[in-house]
């Protein structure tokens, strides 16, 4: 089947229409938006978000974003609300009702019931002259010029605008609460993202494997230390156990290519000086970034001045951080 319309042109038009709509939302970030954020911050309740159809799908995403950034939120389907789910709403809760028109039958039934419960009602709506907007305590204006759908029917631009405005609300609440990356990690312990936010170097380094030799150690001692600890390297220290350098498998190979008389070679002769280190209580992701920065595959892990092990890029790969 031959397409009669250029696909790229159509896709670009959709993206441009939605981008313009989001850009235009900036004009609607007003004193009422600010007052809404402040009211939620001052409340001891949760944020209950409701909607129907595509708006219900957007509501579930905003709920997820709020929960993951420190604002307790739950989803309530607008159709199910009038069949028992209103029981989930508590006195101090804020209810955000998402609707493009603000005039759907389900919304008109739901609004007076919500008002009767005493909950504060927030309208996230694209029609500020609607029934929903007129009866809301706060209106988050998501007015759009048109849907990206060529028939101006399928919710496309409107749902994008609602989602973007929900993100703006969530981020404002996040910043006002002083929500940190450490707080974020508490709610995201799983997967690579979570590990980047909470996994420390000391959690990753192989336990009870601290390869170390004195600066005057013989080549045989160096090889035995590297082989026994199976980390592919050893640290080199002076008589006060101060870190001087590091010897890797690669250093050994390069030394053997240059010299045939190895009997007099000491650790200090072949070590790489001033090795890159990292504190054991640093985040593992920072170890990865440091390896990338210096184009190396391992770091010496320290507890103060004490060598506690090595962290290798393979350790990070096993944890799923790389």
Protein backbone atom coordinates (compact mmCIF):
# COMPACT_ATOMS: atom_id res chain seq x y z
CA UNK A 1 0.00 0.00 0.00
CA UNK A 2 1.48 3.31 -1.10
CA UNK A 3 1.39 6.09 1.45
CA UNK A 4 -0.10 9.32 0.11
CA UNK A 5 1.36 11.50 2.83
CA UNK A 6 4.95 12.06 3.85
CA UNK A 7 5.52 10.21 7.13
CA UNK A 8 8.35 12.45 8.29
CA UNK A 9 6.31 15.57 7.68
CA UNK A 10 3.40 14.16 9.67
CA UNK A 11 5.61 13.12 12.60
CA UNK A 12 7.33 16.50 12.70
CA UNK A 13 3.97 18.28 12.69
CA UNK A 14 2.78 16.20 15.67
CA UNK A 15 5.92 16.95 17.67
CA UNK A 16 5.85 20.62 16.78
CA UNK A 17 2.19 20.94 17.75
CA UNK A 18 2.80 19.31 21.12
CA UNK A 19 6.02 21.26 21.70
CA UNK A 20 4.21 24.53 21.01
CA UNK A 21 1.49 23.56 23.46
CA UNK A 22 3.98 22.84 26.23
CA UNK A 23 5.81 26.08 25.50
CA UNK A 24 2.51 27.95 25.78
CA UNK A 25 1.86 26.45 29.24
CA UNK A 26 4.53 28.81 30.57
CA UNK A 27 1.98 31.60 30.20
CA UNK A 28 -0.36 29.77 32.60
CA UNK A 29 2.08 29.32 35.46
CA UNK A 30 0.51 32.02 37.59
CA UNK A 31 -0.24 32.94 41.21
CA UNK A 32 -2.93 30.26 41.37
CA UNK A 33 -0.42 27.55 40.42
CA UNK A 34 1.88 28.84 43.14
CA UNK A 35 -0.94 28.93 45.69
CA UNK A 36 -1.88 25.36 44.77
CA UNK A 37 1.66 24.12 45.42
CA UNK A 38 1.81 25.96 48.73
CA UNK A 39 -1.55 24.53 49.82
CA UNK A 40 -0.42 20.96 49.09
CA UNK A 41 2.81 21.58 50.99
CA UNK A 42 0.89 22.85 54.00
CA UNK A 43 -1.48 19.89 54.01
CA UNK A 44 -1.12 16.68 56.02
CA UNK A 45 -3.11 14.75 53.44
CA UNK A 46 -2.30 12.91 50.26
CA UNK A 47 -2.79 13.87 46.64
CA UNK A 48 -5.56 11.81 45.04
CA UNK A 49 -5.58 12.04 41.24
CA UNK A 50 -8.58 11.04 39.17
CA UNK A 51 -9.72 11.05 35.58
CA UNK A 52 -11.39 8.94 32.94
CA UNK A 53 -10.21 7.55 29.61
CA UNK A 54 -6.79 8.85 28.53
CA UNK A 55 -6.83 11.28 31.44
CA UNK A 56 -6.88 8.32 33.83
CA UNK A 57 -3.71 6.98 32.21
CA UNK A 58 -1.99 10.36 32.61
CA UNK A 59 -3.20 10.44 36.23
CA UNK A 60 -1.45 7.15 37.03
CA UNK A 61 1.84 8.49 35.68
CA UNK A 62 1.61 11.70 37.71
CA UNK A 63 0.79 9.63 40.81
CA UNK A 64 3.93 7.55 40.21
CA UNK A 65 6.05 10.68 39.80
CA UNK A 66 4.71 12.26 42.98
CA UNK A 67 5.25 9.11 45.04
CA UNK A 68 8.81 8.71 43.81
CA UNK A 69 9.66 12.31 44.68
CA UNK A 70 8.30 12.39 48.22
CA UNK A 71 4.66 13.47 47.82
CA UNK A 72 2.25 10.67 48.86
CA UNK A 73 -0.29 10.14 46.07
CA UNK A 74 -2.92 7.62 45.00
CA UNK A 75 -4.97 7.06 41.85
CA UNK A 76 -8.76 6.90 41.81
CA UNK A 77 -10.60 6.15 38.56
CA UNK A 78 -13.43 8.64 38.08
CA UNK A 79 -15.89 5.93 37.04
CA UNK A 80 -15.05 3.69 39.98
CA UNK A 81 -15.23 6.61 42.42
CA UNK A 82 -19.03 6.67 42.37
CA UNK A 83 -19.14 2.90 42.91
CA UNK A 84 -17.29 2.80 46.22
CA UNK A 85 -13.79 4.14 45.61
CA UNK A 86 -14.70 7.50 47.15
CA UNK A 87 -14.07 5.72 50.42
CA UNK A 88 -10.32 6.04 49.87
CA UNK A 89 -10.46 9.83 50.20
CA UNK A 90 -9.58 11.29 53.58
CA UNK A 91 -10.49 14.69 54.96
CA UNK A 92 -7.12 16.37 54.40
CA UNK A 93 -6.54 14.97 50.92
CA UNK A 94 -6.25 17.12 47.82
CA UNK A 95 -8.03 15.72 44.77
CA UNK A 96 -6.67 16.55 41.33
CA UNK A 97 -9.23 15.92 38.63
CA UNK A 98 -7.77 15.70 35.11
CA UNK A 99 -10.02 16.45 32.17
CA UNK A 100 -9.69 18.11 28.80
CA UNK A 101 -13.25 19.41 28.57
CA UNK A 102 -14.12 19.48 32.25
CA UNK A 103 -17.70 18.73 31.27
CA UNK A 104 -17.90 14.92 30.91
CA UNK A 105 -20.88 13.24 32.64
CA UNK A 106 -18.62 11.31 35.04
CA UNK A 107 -16.90 14.50 36.14
CA UNK A 108 -20.21 16.33 36.68
CA UNK A 109 -21.38 13.51 38.92
CA UNK A 110 -18.08 13.29 40.80
CA UNK A 111 -17.41 16.96 41.56
CA UNK A 112 -20.30 17.62 43.98
CA UNK A 113 -19.54 14.37 45.79
CA UNK A 114 -15.92 15.45 46.29
CA UNK A 115 -17.01 18.87 47.52
CA UNK A 116 -19.38 17.23 49.99
CA UNK A 117 -16.48 15.22 51.43
CA UNK A 118 -14.68 18.48 52.22
CA UNK A 119 -11.60 17.72 50.14
CA UNK A 120 -9.84 20.50 48.25
CA UNK A 121 -10.41 20.09 44.52
CA UNK A 122 -7.76 20.91 41.91
CA UNK A 123 -8.82 21.03 38.27
CA UNK A 124 -6.11 20.15 35.77
CA UNK A 125 -8.15 21.12 32.77
CA UNK A 126 -7.88 22.42 29.20
CA UNK A 127 -11.20 24.29 29.38
CA UNK A 128 -11.17 26.92 32.09
CA UNK A 129 -14.83 27.78 31.45
CA UNK A 130 -15.93 24.24 32.26
CA UNK A 131 -18.07 22.86 35.06
CA UNK A 132 -14.97 21.33 36.65
CA UNK A 133 -12.98 24.58 36.58
CA UNK A 134 -15.87 26.62 37.97
CA UNK A 135 -16.26 24.35 41.01
CA UNK A 136 -12.55 23.74 41.75
CA UNK A 137 -10.58 25.36 44.55
CA UNK A 138 -7.55 25.64 42.27
CA UNK A 139 -7.32 25.55 38.49
CA UNK A 140 -4.16 24.36 36.72
CA UNK A 141 -4.62 25.76 33.24
CA UNK A 142 -3.67 23.31 30.48
CA UNK A 143 -5.36 25.12 27.59
CA UNK A 144 -4.25 23.96 24.13
CA UNK A 145 -4.85 25.33 20.64
CA UNK A 146 -5.51 21.97 18.99
CA UNK A 147 -4.87 18.26 19.22
CA UNK A 148 -2.05 16.83 17.12
CA UNK A 149 -4.61 14.44 15.65
CA UNK A 150 -5.52 15.70 12.12
CA UNK A 151 -9.20 15.43 13.06
CA UNK A 152 -8.59 17.39 16.28
CA UNK A 153 -10.22 14.55 18.20
CA UNK A 154 -7.79 11.98 19.62
CA UNK A 155 -6.26 13.14 22.93
CA UNK A 156 -2.66 13.86 21.96
CA UNK A 157 -1.64 17.44 22.62
CA UNK A 158 -4.01 17.68 25.58
CA UNK A 159 -2.64 14.60 27.34
CA UNK A 160 0.92 15.78 26.70
CA UNK A 161 0.09 19.15 28.23
CA UNK A 162 -1.55 17.52 31.26
CA UNK A 163 1.47 15.28 31.77
CA UNK A 164 3.92 18.18 31.51
CA UNK A 165 1.93 20.28 33.96
CA UNK A 166 1.86 17.32 36.36
CA UNK A 167 5.64 17.07 36.11
CA UNK A 168 5.93 20.79 36.87
CA UNK A 169 3.75 20.33 39.95
CA UNK A 170 5.79 17.34 41.16
CA UNK A 171 9.14 19.09 40.68
CA UNK A 172 7.94 22.24 42.47
CA UNK A 173 6.87 20.11 45.43
CA UNK A 174 10.16 18.20 45.30
CA UNK A 175 12.24 21.37 45.40
CA UNK A 176 10.14 23.00 48.10
CA UNK A 177 10.61 19.95 50.32
CA UNK A 178 14.37 19.90 49.76
CA UNK A 179 14.11 16.38 48.33
CA UNK A 180 17.66 15.10 47.68
CA UNK A 181 19.22 12.38 45.56
CA UNK A 182 19.66 10.37 48.78
CA UNK A 183 15.90 10.68 49.40
CA UNK A 184 15.27 9.61 45.82
CA UNK A 185 17.41 6.51 46.36
CA UNK A 186 15.23 5.41 49.27
CA UNK A 187 12.30 5.07 46.88
CA UNK A 188 14.31 3.57 44.01
CA UNK A 189 16.42 0.77 45.51
CA UNK A 190 15.98 -1.55 42.55
CA UNK A 191 17.73 -1.62 39.21
CA UNK A 192 20.74 0.26 37.92
CA UNK A 193 19.29 3.66 38.79
CA UNK A 194 18.80 2.73 42.43
CA UNK A 195 22.27 1.26 42.71
CA UNK A 196 23.81 4.43 41.33
CA UNK A 197 22.16 6.35 44.12
CA UNK A 198 22.96 4.17 47.12
CA UNK A 199 25.71 1.64 46.33
CA UNK A 200 29.04 2.61 47.90
CA UNK A 201 32.56 1.55 46.94
CA UNK A 202 32.86 -0.53 50.10
CA UNK A 203 29.78 -2.49 49.01
CA UNK A 204 31.45 -3.47 45.75
CA UNK A 205 35.12 -4.16 46.47
CA UNK A 206 36.02 -7.85 46.95
CA UNK A 207 36.13 -8.61 50.66
CA UNK A 208 39.35 -9.69 52.44
CA UNK A 209 41.40 -9.19 49.27
CA UNK A 210 43.89 -6.39 49.74
CA UNK A 211 46.92 -7.01 47.50
CA UNK A 212 49.89 -5.09 48.83
CA UNK A 213 53.67 -5.38 48.66
CA UNK A 214 56.53 -3.32 50.06
CA UNK A 215 58.48 -1.08 47.73
CA UNK A 216 61.54 -3.36 47.94
CA UNK A 217 59.59 -6.56 47.21
CA UNK A 218 61.15 -8.84 44.59
CA UNK A 219 59.51 -9.57 41.25
CA UNK A 220 58.61 -13.04 42.51
CA UNK A 221 56.85 -11.57 45.54
CA UNK A 222 54.95 -9.17 43.31
CA UNK A 223 53.78 -11.95 40.97
CA UNK A 224 52.74 -14.18 43.87
CA UNK A 225 50.75 -11.35 45.49
CA UNK A 226 48.93 -10.51 42.28
CA UNK A 227 48.21 -14.19 41.58
CA UNK A 228 47.02 -15.04 45.10
CA UNK A 229 44.57 -12.12 45.34
CA UNK A 230 43.34 -12.59 41.75
CA UNK A 231 42.61 -8.92 41.19
CA UNK A 232 45.15 -8.39 38.43
CA UNK A 233 47.11 -5.81 40.41
CA UNK A 234 48.79 -4.99 43.69
CA UNK A 235 49.43 -1.80 45.58
CA UNK A 236 52.95 -0.80 46.57
CA UNK A 237 53.62 0.81 49.97
CA UNK A 238 56.62 2.13 51.89
CA UNK A 239 57.68 0.98 55.35
CA UNK A 240 55.01 3.21 56.91
CA UNK A 241 52.36 1.55 54.72
CA UNK A 242 51.89 4.74 52.74
CA UNK A 243 50.64 4.15 49.22
CA UNK A 244 53.38 4.74 46.64
CA UNK A 245 52.08 3.10 43.51
CA UNK A 246 50.35 0.21 41.79
CA UNK A 247 51.56 -2.71 39.69
CA UNK A 248 49.19 -4.36 37.23
CA UNK A 249 49.45 -7.42 35.00
CA UNK A 250 50.10 -5.01 32.16
CA UNK A 251 53.04 -3.45 34.01
CA UNK A 252 54.58 -6.91 34.41
CA UNK A 253 54.21 -7.73 30.71
CA UNK A 254 55.70 -4.42 29.64
CA UNK A 255 58.63 -4.91 32.03
CA UNK A 256 59.37 -8.39 30.65
CA UNK A 257 59.34 -7.02 27.10
CA UNK A 258 62.01 -4.47 28.05
CA UNK A 259 64.28 -6.52 30.31
CA UNK A 260 65.70 -10.03 30.31
CA UNK A 261 67.53 -9.70 33.63
CA UNK A 262 64.77 -9.59 36.22
CA UNK A 263 66.67 -10.85 39.24
CA UNK A 264 67.40 -7.41 40.67
CA UNK A 265 64.06 -5.77 39.84
CA UNK A 266 62.08 -4.49 42.79
CA UNK A 267 58.48 -3.40 43.07
CA UNK A 268 59.43 0.27 43.13
CA UNK A 269 61.17 -0.13 39.76
CA UNK A 270 58.07 -1.16 37.82
CA UNK A 271 55.17 0.40 39.69
CA UNK A 272 53.03 3.21 38.30
CA UNK A 273 53.39 6.15 40.68
CA UNK A 274 50.55 8.20 42.14
CA UNK A 275 47.75 5.73 41.39
CA UNK A 276 44.17 6.92 41.23
CA UNK A 277 42.27 6.28 44.44
CA UNK A 278 38.78 6.61 45.83
CA UNK A 279 37.40 6.67 49.37
CA UNK A 280 35.50 3.55 50.41
CA UNK A 281 32.42 5.57 51.37
CA UNK A 282 32.10 7.24 47.97
CA UNK A 283 29.25 6.19 45.69
CA UNK A 284 30.22 3.42 43.30
CA UNK A 285 28.97 5.48 40.35
CA UNK A 286 31.65 8.07 41.16
CA UNK A 287 34.26 5.34 40.90
CA UNK A 288 32.96 4.55 37.42
CA UNK A 289 33.07 8.20 36.41
CA UNK A 290 36.64 8.50 37.68
CA UNK A 291 37.69 5.44 35.69
CA UNK A 292 36.13 6.93 32.56
CA UNK A 293 37.78 10.28 33.19
CA UNK A 294 41.26 8.76 33.44
CA UNK A 295 40.69 5.90 30.97
CA UNK A 296 41.57 3.22 33.54
CA UNK A 297 39.81 0.07 34.75
CA UNK A 298 40.50 0.06 38.49
CA UNK A 299 41.04 2.26 41.52
CA UNK A 300 42.63 1.74 44.90
CA UNK A 301 39.99 2.00 47.62
CA UNK A 302 41.04 3.83 50.78
CA UNK A 303 39.76 4.24 54.32
CA UNK A 304 41.54 7.46 55.17
CA UNK A 305 45.15 6.54 54.31
CA UNK A 306 44.58 2.81 54.75
CA UNK A 307 44.28 0.60 51.66
CA UNK A 308 41.14 -1.52 51.93
CA UNK A 309 41.01 -3.04 48.45
CA UNK A 310 40.62 -2.47 44.75
CA UNK A 311 37.49 -1.60 42.79
CA UNK A 312 37.54 -2.83 39.20
CA UNK A 313 35.22 -1.93 36.37
CA UNK A 314 34.21 -5.62 36.25
CA UNK A 315 32.86 -5.26 39.79
CA UNK A 316 30.66 -2.40 38.62
CA UNK A 317 29.54 -4.38 35.59
CA UNK A 318 28.46 -7.28 37.82
CA UNK A 319 26.34 -4.87 39.84
CA UNK A 320 24.68 -3.58 36.70
CA UNK A 321 25.97 -0.04 37.08
CA UNK A 322 27.88 -0.08 33.79
